[in-house]
Amino acid sequence: IIVPETFAPGFLDRGILFACHGGMIVNAINVDSQMASGGTYTISNLPGGTPMLPLPRAFYGIEAIGWSSGNPANRAIAMPRFVDLRTVDATDVDLNMSMLP
């Protein structure tokens, strides 16, 4: 899964990107450097299928949290986006961060 950087680079400098399946976190990656400067996130090693050999129920929720180490009151979450890996890889999963009060 490839997630492009759409957060406000530099505003948040710490973050974690999660892949969830069936209510469980199946992968989590540190995205501090991308939060600080922008970039692309790649989550690998998620089971998926191919057109010739589909993998039923290969649906994942992609979520993120971010915060500022200098001002912990600056924190944000991304609404989960769902990806279907039954027959293909997912690219350009766009996450929009929402600031928390």
Protein backbone atom coordinates (compact mmCIF):
# COMPACT_ATOMS: atom_id res chain seq x y z
CA ILE A 1 0.00 0.00 0.00
CA ILE A 2 1.39 3.41 -0.92
CA VAL A 3 0.08 6.50 0.86
CA PRO A 4 1.08 9.93 -0.51
CA GLU A 5 1.92 12.75 1.91
CA THR A 6 -1.04 15.10 2.18
CA PHE A 7 -0.49 16.35 5.70
CA ALA A 8 0.94 19.81 6.40
CA PRO A 9 4.66 19.00 6.33
CA GLY A 10 6.49 20.56 9.24
CA PHE A 11 3.37 21.24 11.33
CA LEU A 12 3.37 17.72 12.76
CA ASP A 13 6.71 15.98 13.20
CA ARG A 14 5.74 12.62 14.72
CA GLY A 15 3.36 10.00 13.45
CA ILE A 16 2.33 6.39 13.08
CA LEU A 17 0.51 4.82 10.15
CA PHE A 18 -1.62 1.73 10.87
CA ALA A 19 -3.01 -1.06 8.72
CA CYS A 20 -5.96 -2.83 10.36
CA HIS A 21 -7.82 -5.99 9.44
CA GLY A 22 -10.82 -7.39 11.27
CA GLY A 23 -10.44 -4.86 14.07
CA MET A 24 -6.79 -5.71 14.74
CA ILE A 25 -3.66 -3.73 13.92
CA VAL A 26 -1.70 -5.94 11.52
CA ASN A 27 1.06 -3.46 10.66
CA ALA A 28 2.25 -0.11 12.01
CA ILE A 29 5.07 2.05 10.73
CA ASN A 30 6.81 5.10 12.13
CA VAL A 31 6.36 8.04 9.75
CA ASP A 32 8.21 10.76 11.67
CA SER A 33 10.49 11.77 8.79
CA GLN A 34 7.62 11.96 6.29
CA MET A 35 5.47 13.94 8.74
CA ALA A 36 8.25 16.49 9.15
CA SER A 37 9.18 16.91 5.49
CA GLY A 38 6.55 15.23 3.30
CA GLY A 39 6.88 12.13 1.19
CA THR A 40 5.30 8.76 0.52
CA TYR A 41 4.55 6.02 2.99
CA THR A 42 4.76 2.37 1.99
CA ILE A 43 3.22 -0.43 4.01
CA SER A 44 4.49 -3.78 2.83
CA ASN A 45 3.87 -7.40 3.80
CA LEU A 46 0.08 -7.23 3.79
CA PRO A 47 -1.49 -10.37 2.37
CA GLY A 48 -3.28 -9.71 -0.91
CA GLY A 49 -4.21 -11.49 -4.09
CA THR A 50 -3.70 -11.28 -7.84
CA PRO A 51 -6.18 -11.31 -10.73
CA MET A 52 -5.31 -14.99 -11.30
CA LEU A 53 -5.40 -15.90 -7.60
CA PRO A 54 -7.72 -13.59 -5.63
CA LEU A 55 -7.50 -13.53 -1.85
CA PRO A 56 -11.00 -13.26 -0.37
CA ARG A 57 -11.50 -10.82 2.53
CA ALA A 58 -8.22 -8.97 1.86
CA PHE A 59 -9.69 -5.65 3.02
CA TYR A 60 -7.67 -3.30 5.21
CA GLY A 61 -8.32 -0.07 7.04
CA ILE A 62 -5.51 2.49 6.82
CA GLU A 63 -5.33 5.04 9.62
CA ALA A 64 -2.80 7.54 10.96
CA ILE A 65 -2.11 9.64 14.02
CA GLY A 66 0.27 12.57 14.17
CA TRP A 67 1.50 15.12 16.70
CA SER A 68 4.05 17.86 17.24
CA SER A 69 6.89 16.98 19.61
CA GLY A 70 7.39 20.68 20.35
CA ASN A 71 3.73 21.30 21.14
CA PRO A 72 1.84 18.11 22.04
CA ALA A 73 -1.44 20.06 21.89
CA ASN A 74 -0.98 19.96 18.09
CA ARG A 75 -2.26 16.50 17.24
CA ALA A 76 -4.32 15.01 14.45
CA ILE A 77 -5.93 11.80 13.29
CA ALA A 78 -6.87 10.52 9.86
CA MET A 79 -10.27 9.06 9.17
CA PRO A 80 -9.79 5.43 8.15
CA ARG A 81 -9.60 4.66 4.45
CA PHE A 82 -10.42 1.18 3.28
CA VAL A 83 -8.41 -0.65 0.64
CA ASP A 84 -9.24 -3.78 -1.30
CA LEU A 85 -6.22 -6.01 -1.90
CA ARG A 86 -8.17 -9.05 -3.11
CA THR A 87 -6.73 -8.80 -6.63
CA VAL A 88 -4.35 -5.81 -6.78
CA ASP A 89 -1.94 -3.63 -4.81
CA ALA A 90 -3.29 -0.32 -3.57
CA THR A 91 -1.60 2.97 -4.43
CA ASP A 92 -2.48 6.57 -3.67
CA VAL A 93 -4.52 5.91 -0.55
CA ASP A 94 -5.15 9.53 0.41
CA LEU A 95 -5.46 10.21 4.14
CA ASN A 96 -6.74 13.57 5.31
CA MET A 97 -5.65 14.57 8.80
CA SER A 98 -8.11 16.34 11.11
CA MET A 99 -6.78 18.37 14.01
CA LEU A 100 -8.02 17.32 17.43
CA PRO A 101 -9.37 19.96 19.83
